[in-house]
C-alpha cells in the first residue's frame, strides 16, 4: 500500500528596502511545493518514506534588478526507513538535504542524518508524539518534537 500527499504554500512578508536613499515598502514572496510518499511493504513492519520539495522566493520590488537578483530556489529531498518494533511504536532513521531552519528559500541546504521514536495513542489529545535528533553534516544538531492531535 502506498500513501502520498502533495501540499503547497505561499507566504508574504512585508518589509522595507532602501534603494538610492529611497525607502520602498515591499514584500518578500515565497512559494513551496512538497510531495511525500510512504510505501508500506506488505506483511512487513517496514515503511519506506520519500520526500521532495522546492521552495522559491524573491523580493517583489519596483526595481526589476532587485526582483531578478533576489530570485532564489532551493530543492530538498529526504529518505527514511520506519520500523514498527512493537505494536504502535516505531523507530525511524533517515537521511535528507534540507534548509537550515526551513523558513525561507534564502537559507542554505545541508545534508544530514536523523533518528526518531514515535508511538500511537488513539483518540488522545497528543495522539502520535515523536521525539528525535537530526545531525547536519555542517555540525548543527537539531531536535525534533512533533505530534498529531485527537487522531483516531
N, C-alpha and C. Protein backbone atom coordinates (compact mmCIF):
# COMPACT_ATOMS: atom_id res chain seq x y z
N UNK A 1 0.85 -1.17 0.00
CA UNK A 1 0.00 0.00 0.00
C UNK A 1 0.90 1.24 0.00
N UNK A 2 0.51 2.22 -0.76
CA UNK A 2 1.26 3.48 -0.84
C UNK A 2 0.34 4.63 -0.45
N UNK A 3 0.85 5.50 0.39
CA UNK A 3 0.12 6.71 0.78
C UNK A 3 0.97 7.90 0.35
N UNK A 4 0.33 8.97 -0.11
CA UNK A 4 1.09 10.12 -0.57
C UNK A 4 0.33 11.40 -0.22
N UNK A 5 1.07 12.48 -0.23
CA UNK A 5 0.47 13.80 -0.02
C UNK A 5 1.21 14.82 -0.87
N UNK A 6 0.48 15.80 -1.33
CA UNK A 6 1.03 16.91 -2.09
C UNK A 6 0.51 18.18 -1.45
N UNK A 7 1.41 19.07 -1.10
CA UNK A 7 0.99 20.32 -0.46
C UNK A 7 1.73 21.50 -1.06
N UNK A 8 1.10 22.64 -0.94
CA UNK A 8 1.70 23.88 -1.41
C UNK A 8 1.44 24.98 -0.42
N UNK A 9 2.31 25.97 -0.44
CA UNK A 9 2.15 27.10 0.48
C UNK A 9 2.68 28.36 -0.17
N UNK A 10 2.11 29.48 0.23
CA UNK A 10 2.60 30.78 -0.21
C UNK A 10 2.65 31.69 1.00
N UNK A 11 3.77 32.34 1.18
CA UNK A 11 3.97 33.27 2.29
C UNK A 11 4.39 34.63 1.75
N UNK A 12 3.89 35.69 2.39
CA UNK A 12 4.31 37.04 2.03
C UNK A 12 4.66 37.79 3.31
N UNK A 13 5.83 38.37 3.32
CA UNK A 13 6.28 39.18 4.46
C UNK A 13 6.45 40.62 4.00
N UNK A 14 5.86 41.54 4.72
CA UNK A 14 6.04 42.96 4.40
C UNK A 14 7.39 43.42 4.93
N UNK A 15 8.07 44.21 4.11
CA UNK A 15 9.39 44.69 4.50
C UNK A 15 9.67 46.03 3.85
N UNK A 16 10.79 46.61 4.19
CA UNK A 16 11.24 47.85 3.57
C UNK A 16 12.66 47.63 3.06
N UNK A 17 12.93 48.16 1.87
CA UNK A 17 14.30 48.12 1.35
C UNK A 17 14.69 49.53 0.95
N UNK A 18 15.98 49.82 1.08
CA UNK A 18 16.48 51.15 0.72
C UNK A 18 17.25 51.05 -0.59
N UNK A 19 16.78 51.83 -1.58
CA UNK A 19 17.41 51.88 -2.90
C UNK A 19 17.71 53.33 -3.24
N UNK A 20 18.99 53.64 -3.43
CA UNK A 20 19.40 55.00 -3.79
C UNK A 20 18.79 56.05 -2.85
N UNK A 21 18.90 55.79 -1.55
CA UNK A 21 18.42 56.68 -0.49
C UNK A 21 16.90 56.84 -0.47
N UNK A 22 16.19 55.99 -1.16
CA UNK A 22 14.73 55.99 -1.15
C UNK A 22 14.27 54.68 -0.51
N UNK A 23 13.30 54.76 0.40
CA UNK A 23 12.80 53.57 1.08
C UNK A 23 11.54 53.10 0.35
N UNK A 24 11.56 51.82 -0.01
CA UNK A 24 10.41 51.22 -0.69
C UNK A 24 9.78 50.18 0.24
N UNK A 25 8.47 50.27 0.41
CA UNK A 25 7.74 49.24 1.15
C UNK A 25 7.38 48.15 0.16
N UNK A 26 7.82 46.94 0.44
CA UNK A 26 7.65 45.84 -0.50
C UNK A 26 7.36 44.56 0.27
N UNK A 27 7.27 43.47 -0.45
CA UNK A 27 7.02 42.17 0.16
C UNK A 27 8.08 41.17 -0.30
N UNK A 28 8.40 40.25 0.59
CA UNK A 28 9.17 39.07 0.22
C UNK A 28 8.13 37.98 -0.02
N UNK A 29 8.11 37.43 -1.23
CA UNK A 29 7.14 36.40 -1.58
C UNK A 29 7.84 35.05 -1.68
N UNK A 30 7.23 34.04 -1.09
CA UNK A 30 7.81 32.70 -1.09
C UNK A 30 6.73 31.68 -1.39
N UNK A 31 7.11 30.67 -2.15
CA UNK A 31 6.20 29.57 -2.50
C UNK A 31 6.94 28.25 -2.31
N UNK A 32 6.22 27.25 -1.79
CA UNK A 32 6.79 25.92 -1.58
C UNK A 32 5.80 24.87 -2.07
N UNK A 33 6.32 23.84 -2.70
CA UNK A 33 5.53 22.67 -3.06
C UNK A 33 6.26 21.45 -2.51
N UNK A 34 5.50 20.52 -1.92
CA UNK A 34 6.10 19.37 -1.24
C UNK A 34 5.34 18.10 -1.59
N UNK A 35 6.08 17.04 -1.94
CA UNK A 35 5.50 15.73 -2.21
C UNK A 35 6.08 14.74 -1.22
N UNK A 36 5.21 14.02 -0.53
CA UNK A 36 5.64 12.98 0.39
C UNK A 36 4.98 11.66 0.03
N UNK A 37 5.75 10.57 0.09
CA UNK A 37 5.25 9.24 -0.25
C UNK A 37 5.71 8.26 0.82
N UNK A 38 4.77 7.44 1.31
CA UNK A 38 5.09 6.34 2.22
C UNK A 38 4.70 5.04 1.56
N UNK A 39 5.65 4.11 1.48
CA UNK A 39 5.42 2.81 0.87
C UNK A 39 5.40 1.78 1.99
N UNK A 40 4.22 1.20 2.22
CA UNK A 40 4.05 0.19 3.26
C UNK A 40 4.29 -1.18 2.62
N UNK A 41 5.34 -1.85 3.04
CA UNK A 41 5.70 -3.15 2.49
C UNK A 41 4.75 -4.20 3.06
N UNK A 42 4.05 -4.96 2.18
CA UNK A 42 3.07 -5.95 2.66
C UNK A 42 3.70 -6.97 3.62
N UNK A 43 2.96 -7.28 4.68
CA UNK A 43 3.37 -8.28 5.68
C UNK A 43 4.76 -7.98 6.26
N UNK A 44 5.07 -6.70 6.42
CA UNK A 44 6.39 -6.31 6.93
C UNK A 44 6.20 -5.15 7.93
N UNK A 45 7.06 -5.07 8.93
CA UNK A 45 7.00 -3.95 9.86
C UNK A 45 7.71 -2.70 9.32
N UNK A 46 8.13 -2.72 8.04
CA UNK A 46 8.90 -1.62 7.46
C UNK A 46 8.04 -0.72 6.58
N UNK A 47 8.33 0.58 6.65
CA UNK A 47 7.73 1.58 5.77
C UNK A 47 8.86 2.43 5.22
N UNK A 48 8.84 2.64 3.90
CA UNK A 48 9.83 3.49 3.24
C UNK A 48 9.20 4.85 2.99
N UNK A 49 9.87 5.90 3.39
CA UNK A 49 9.37 7.25 3.18
C UNK A 49 10.27 8.03 2.23
N UNK A 50 9.65 8.74 1.29
CA UNK A 50 10.38 9.58 0.34
C UNK A 50 9.75 10.97 0.36
N UNK A 51 10.58 11.99 0.22
CA UNK A 51 10.06 13.37 0.20
C UNK A 51 10.87 14.21 -0.77
N UNK A 52 10.18 15.12 -1.43
CA UNK A 52 10.85 16.08 -2.33
C UNK A 52 10.10 17.39 -2.24
N UNK A 53 10.83 18.49 -2.23
CA UNK A 53 10.21 19.81 -2.13
C UNK A 53 11.04 20.83 -2.88
N UNK A 54 10.36 21.89 -3.30
CA UNK A 54 11.06 23.05 -3.85
C UNK A 54 10.45 24.30 -3.23
N UNK A 55 11.34 25.18 -2.76
CA UNK A 55 10.93 26.46 -2.19
C UNK A 55 11.58 27.57 -2.99
N UNK A 56 10.78 28.53 -3.43
CA UNK A 56 11.28 29.65 -4.23
C UNK A 56 10.81 30.96 -3.60
N UNK A 57 11.62 32.00 -3.75
CA UNK A 57 11.25 33.30 -3.21
C UNK A 57 11.95 34.43 -3.93
N UNK A 58 11.42 35.64 -3.74
CA UNK A 58 12.01 36.84 -4.31
C UNK A 58 11.45 38.06 -3.59
N UNK A 59 12.14 39.18 -3.76
CA UNK A 59 11.67 40.46 -3.23
C UNK A 59 10.85 41.13 -4.33
N UNK A 60 9.60 41.41 -4.06
CA UNK A 60 8.68 41.98 -5.05
C UNK A 60 8.87 43.50 -5.12
N UNK A 61 10.00 43.90 -5.67
CA UNK A 61 10.38 45.32 -5.73
C UNK A 61 9.95 45.95 -7.05
N UNK A 62 9.78 47.28 -7.02
CA UNK A 62 9.54 48.03 -8.25
C UNK A 62 10.79 48.00 -9.13
N UNK A 63 11.95 47.84 -8.50
CA UNK A 63 13.22 47.78 -9.23
C UNK A 63 13.39 46.37 -9.79
N UNK A 64 13.35 46.24 -11.11
CA UNK A 64 13.40 44.95 -11.76
C UNK A 64 14.68 44.18 -11.42
N UNK A 65 15.80 44.88 -11.19
CA UNK A 65 17.05 44.21 -10.86
C UNK A 65 17.00 43.59 -9.47
N UNK A 66 16.36 44.27 -8.51
CA UNK A 66 16.19 43.69 -7.17
C UNK A 66 15.35 42.43 -7.29
N UNK A 67 14.28 42.52 -8.05
CA UNK A 67 13.39 41.37 -8.23
C UNK A 67 14.14 40.20 -8.88
N UNK A 68 14.89 40.45 -9.93
CA UNK A 68 15.60 39.39 -10.64
C UNK A 68 16.71 38.79 -9.78
N UNK A 69 17.53 39.64 -9.17
CA UNK A 69 18.69 39.14 -8.44
C UNK A 69 18.34 38.58 -7.06
N UNK A 70 17.14 38.84 -6.57
CA UNK A 70 16.74 38.26 -5.30
C UNK A 70 16.08 36.90 -5.48
N UNK A 71 15.74 36.55 -6.72
CA UNK A 71 15.08 35.26 -7.01
C UNK A 71 15.98 34.10 -6.57
N UNK A 72 15.42 33.19 -5.77
CA UNK A 72 16.20 32.04 -5.29
C UNK A 72 15.29 30.86 -5.08
N UNK A 73 15.74 29.68 -5.48
CA UNK A 73 15.01 28.43 -5.26
C UNK A 73 15.95 27.43 -4.60
N UNK A 74 15.39 26.62 -3.73
CA UNK A 74 16.15 25.53 -3.10
C UNK A 74 15.34 24.24 -3.21
N UNK A 75 16.02 23.16 -3.57
CA UNK A 75 15.41 21.84 -3.65
C UNK A 75 15.80 21.05 -2.40
N UNK A 76 14.84 20.29 -1.89
CA UNK A 76 15.08 19.46 -0.71
C UNK A 76 14.63 18.04 -0.99
N UNK A 77 15.33 17.06 -0.44
CA UNK A 77 14.96 15.66 -0.59
C UNK A 77 15.18 14.92 0.72
N UNK A 78 14.42 13.87 0.90
CA UNK A 78 14.58 13.06 2.10
C UNK A 78 14.19 11.62 1.86
N UNK A 79 14.80 10.73 2.61
CA UNK A 79 14.53 9.31 2.57
C UNK A 79 14.56 8.80 4.00
N UNK A 80 13.56 7.99 4.38
CA UNK A 80 13.64 7.37 5.70
C UNK A 80 13.08 5.96 5.67
N UNK A 81 13.46 5.22 6.69
CA UNK A 81 13.02 3.85 6.87
C UNK A 81 12.44 3.76 8.28
N UNK A 82 11.16 3.36 8.34
CA UNK A 82 10.45 3.28 9.62
C UNK A 82 10.23 1.81 9.96
N UNK A 83 10.51 1.45 11.22
CA UNK A 83 10.40 0.06 11.66
C UNK A 83 9.49 0.01 12.88
N UNK A 84 8.40 -0.76 12.79
CA UNK A 84 7.49 -0.94 13.93
C UNK A 84 8.03 -2.10 14.77
N UNK A 85 8.70 -1.76 15.88
CA UNK A 85 9.34 -2.79 16.70
C UNK A 85 8.43 -3.34 17.77
N UNK A 86 7.36 -2.62 18.10
CA UNK A 86 6.31 -3.08 19.00
C UNK A 86 5.00 -2.54 18.44
N UNK A 87 3.91 -3.10 18.90
CA UNK A 87 2.62 -2.63 18.42
C UNK A 87 2.46 -1.13 18.68
N UNK A 88 2.27 -0.36 17.62
CA UNK A 88 2.07 1.10 17.67
C UNK A 88 3.28 1.87 18.19
N UNK A 89 4.49 1.32 18.03
CA UNK A 89 5.72 2.02 18.38
C UNK A 89 6.73 1.85 17.25
N UNK A 90 7.37 2.98 16.86
CA UNK A 90 8.25 2.96 15.70
C UNK A 90 9.58 3.64 15.98
N UNK A 91 10.60 3.15 15.31
CA UNK A 91 11.90 3.81 15.22
C UNK A 91 12.08 4.17 13.74
N UNK A 92 12.48 5.39 13.48
CA UNK A 92 12.69 5.84 12.11
C UNK A 92 14.11 6.37 11.99
N UNK A 93 14.80 5.95 10.93
CA UNK A 93 16.11 6.51 10.60
C UNK A 93 16.00 7.13 9.21
N UNK A 94 16.72 8.21 9.00
CA UNK A 94 16.59 8.87 7.71
C UNK A 94 17.80 9.71 7.34
N UNK A 95 17.80 10.08 6.07
CA UNK A 95 18.83 10.95 5.52
C UNK A 95 18.11 11.99 4.68
N UNK A 96 18.60 13.22 4.73
CA UNK A 96 17.94 14.26 3.96
C UNK A 96 18.86 15.42 3.63
N UNK A 97 18.39 16.24 2.69
CA UNK A 97 19.03 17.51 2.33
C UNK A 97 17.95 18.57 2.54
N UNK A 98 18.07 19.32 3.62
CA UNK A 98 17.03 20.28 4.00
C UNK A 98 17.61 21.65 4.28
N UNK A 99 16.73 22.67 4.19
CA UNK A 99 17.14 24.03 4.55
C UNK A 99 17.42 24.08 6.05
N UNK A 100 18.31 24.97 6.44
CA UNK A 100 18.76 25.02 7.84
C UNK A 100 17.61 25.16 8.83
N UNK A 101 16.70 26.13 8.64
CA UNK A 101 15.58 26.30 9.55
C UNK A 101 14.25 25.96 8.88
N UNK A 102 14.23 25.88 7.57
CA UNK A 102 13.01 25.54 6.86
C UNK A 102 12.01 26.67 6.76
N UNK A 103 12.47 27.91 6.94
CA UNK A 103 11.55 29.04 6.92
C UNK A 103 11.52 29.77 5.58
N UNK A 104 12.68 29.93 4.94
CA UNK A 104 12.73 30.69 3.69
C UNK A 104 13.59 29.97 2.66
N UNK A 105 13.40 30.29 1.37
CA UNK A 105 14.26 29.71 0.34
C UNK A 105 15.63 30.38 0.27
N UNK A 106 15.88 31.36 1.14
CA UNK A 106 17.16 32.06 1.14
C UNK A 106 18.16 31.40 2.09
N UNK A 107 17.78 30.25 2.64
CA UNK A 107 18.66 29.50 3.54
C UNK A 107 19.46 28.47 2.75
N UNK A 108 20.60 28.11 3.26
CA UNK A 108 21.41 27.07 2.64
C UNK A 108 20.82 25.69 2.93
N UNK A 109 21.02 24.78 1.99
CA UNK A 109 20.59 23.40 2.15
C UNK A 109 21.78 22.59 2.67
N UNK A 110 21.52 21.76 3.69
CA UNK A 110 22.57 20.91 4.26
C UNK A 110 22.09 19.47 4.30
N UNK A 111 23.00 18.56 4.07
CA UNK A 111 22.70 17.14 4.22
C UNK A 111 22.86 16.75 5.68
N UNK A 112 22.15 15.70 6.06
CA UNK A 112 22.27 15.22 7.42
C UNK A 112 21.53 13.91 7.62
N UNK A 113 21.60 13.39 8.85
CA UNK A 113 21.03 12.11 9.21
C UNK A 113 20.25 12.26 10.50
N UNK A 114 19.21 11.43 10.66
CA UNK A 114 18.41 11.55 11.87
C UNK A 114 17.83 10.23 12.31
N UNK A 115 17.35 10.24 13.55
CA UNK A 115 16.66 9.09 14.13
C UNK A 115 15.54 9.64 15.02
N UNK A 116 14.40 8.91 15.04
CA UNK A 116 13.26 9.35 15.85
C UNK A 116 12.52 8.14 16.41
N UNK A 117 11.83 8.38 17.51
CA UNK A 117 10.96 7.38 18.15
C UNK A 117 9.57 7.98 18.20
N UNK A 118 8.56 7.20 17.82
CA UNK A 118 7.17 7.67 17.91
C UNK A 118 6.27 6.53 18.35
N UNK A 119 5.13 6.89 18.91
CA UNK A 119 4.14 5.89 19.29
C UNK A 119 2.75 6.46 19.09
N UNK A 120 1.76 5.57 19.03
CA UNK A 120 0.39 5.97 18.71
C UNK A 120 -0.53 5.69 19.88
N UNK A 121 -1.38 6.69 20.21
CA UNK A 121 -2.39 6.58 21.27
C UNK A 121 -3.71 7.11 20.69
N UNK A 122 -4.57 6.21 20.25
CA UNK A 122 -5.81 6.61 19.58
C UNK A 122 -6.68 7.50 20.46
N UNK A 123 -7.24 8.53 19.85
CA UNK A 123 -8.23 9.43 20.45
C UNK A 123 -7.70 10.21 21.66
N UNK A 124 -6.41 10.32 21.81
CA UNK A 124 -5.82 11.13 22.88
C UNK A 124 -5.48 12.50 22.32
N UNK A 125 -5.39 13.51 23.19
CA UNK A 125 -5.04 14.84 22.74
C UNK A 125 -3.71 14.81 21.98
N UNK A 126 -2.68 14.22 22.56
CA UNK A 126 -1.40 14.03 21.89
C UNK A 126 -1.38 12.58 21.39
N UNK A 127 -1.87 12.37 20.17
CA UNK A 127 -2.10 11.02 19.66
C UNK A 127 -0.86 10.31 19.16
N UNK A 128 0.04 11.04 18.52
CA UNK A 128 1.21 10.41 17.91
C UNK A 128 2.46 11.23 18.22
N UNK A 129 2.87 11.27 19.48
CA UNK A 129 4.08 12.03 19.81
C UNK A 129 5.33 11.37 19.22
N UNK A 130 6.26 12.23 18.83
CA UNK A 130 7.52 11.76 18.25
C UNK A 130 8.65 12.64 18.74
N UNK A 131 9.76 12.02 19.11
CA UNK A 131 10.96 12.75 19.51
C UNK A 131 12.12 12.22 18.69
N UNK A 132 13.04 13.11 18.33
CA UNK A 132 14.16 12.67 17.53
C UNK A 132 15.29 13.67 17.51
N UNK A 133 16.34 13.30 16.80
CA UNK A 133 17.51 14.16 16.68
C UNK A 133 18.00 14.07 15.24
N UNK A 134 18.48 15.19 14.71
CA UNK A 134 18.98 15.29 13.34
C UNK A 134 20.35 15.94 13.39
N UNK A 135 21.33 15.28 12.79
CA UNK A 135 22.70 15.79 12.78
C UNK A 135 23.05 16.22 11.36
N UNK A 136 23.22 17.54 11.17
CA UNK A 136 23.61 18.05 9.86
C UNK A 136 25.10 17.85 9.65
N UNK A 137 25.50 17.65 8.40
CA UNK A 137 26.92 17.44 8.10
C UNK A 137 27.74 18.68 8.44
N UNK A 138 27.10 19.84 8.48
CA UNK A 138 27.80 21.07 8.86
C UNK A 138 28.07 21.18 10.34
N UNK A 139 27.58 20.22 11.13
CA UNK A 139 27.85 20.22 12.56
C UNK A 139 26.68 20.59 13.44
N UNK A 140 25.62 21.17 12.88
CA UNK A 140 24.46 21.55 13.68
C UNK A 140 23.65 20.33 14.08
N UNK A 141 23.17 20.32 15.32
CA UNK A 141 22.30 19.27 15.81
C UNK A 141 20.94 19.88 16.07
N UNK A 142 19.90 19.27 15.49
CA UNK A 142 18.53 19.75 15.67
C UNK A 142 17.73 18.68 16.39
N UNK A 143 16.80 19.11 17.24
CA UNK A 143 15.95 18.18 17.96
C UNK A 143 14.53 18.29 17.43
N UNK A 144 13.84 17.17 17.39
CA UNK A 144 12.51 17.07 16.83
C UNK A 144 11.52 16.73 17.93
N UNK A 145 10.39 17.42 17.94
CA UNK A 145 9.30 17.11 18.84
C UNK A 145 8.02 17.44 18.07
N UNK A 146 7.25 16.41 17.71
CA UNK A 146 6.01 16.60 16.95
C UNK A 146 4.92 15.72 17.53
N UNK A 147 3.69 15.97 17.07
CA UNK A 147 2.56 15.13 17.44
C UNK A 147 1.40 15.38 16.48
N UNK A 148 0.44 14.48 16.48
CA UNK A 148 -0.87 14.75 15.89
C UNK A 148 -1.83 14.91 17.07
N UNK A 149 -2.98 15.50 16.79
CA UNK A 149 -3.94 15.75 17.85
C UNK A 149 -5.24 14.98 17.60
N UNK A 150 -5.73 14.28 18.62
CA UNK A 150 -7.01 13.58 18.58
C UNK A 150 -7.16 12.67 17.36
N UNK A 151 -6.11 11.97 16.99
CA UNK A 151 -6.16 11.06 15.85
C UNK A 151 -6.89 9.79 16.24
N UNK A 152 -7.66 9.26 15.34
CA UNK A 152 -8.41 8.02 15.62
C UNK A 152 -7.74 6.80 15.03
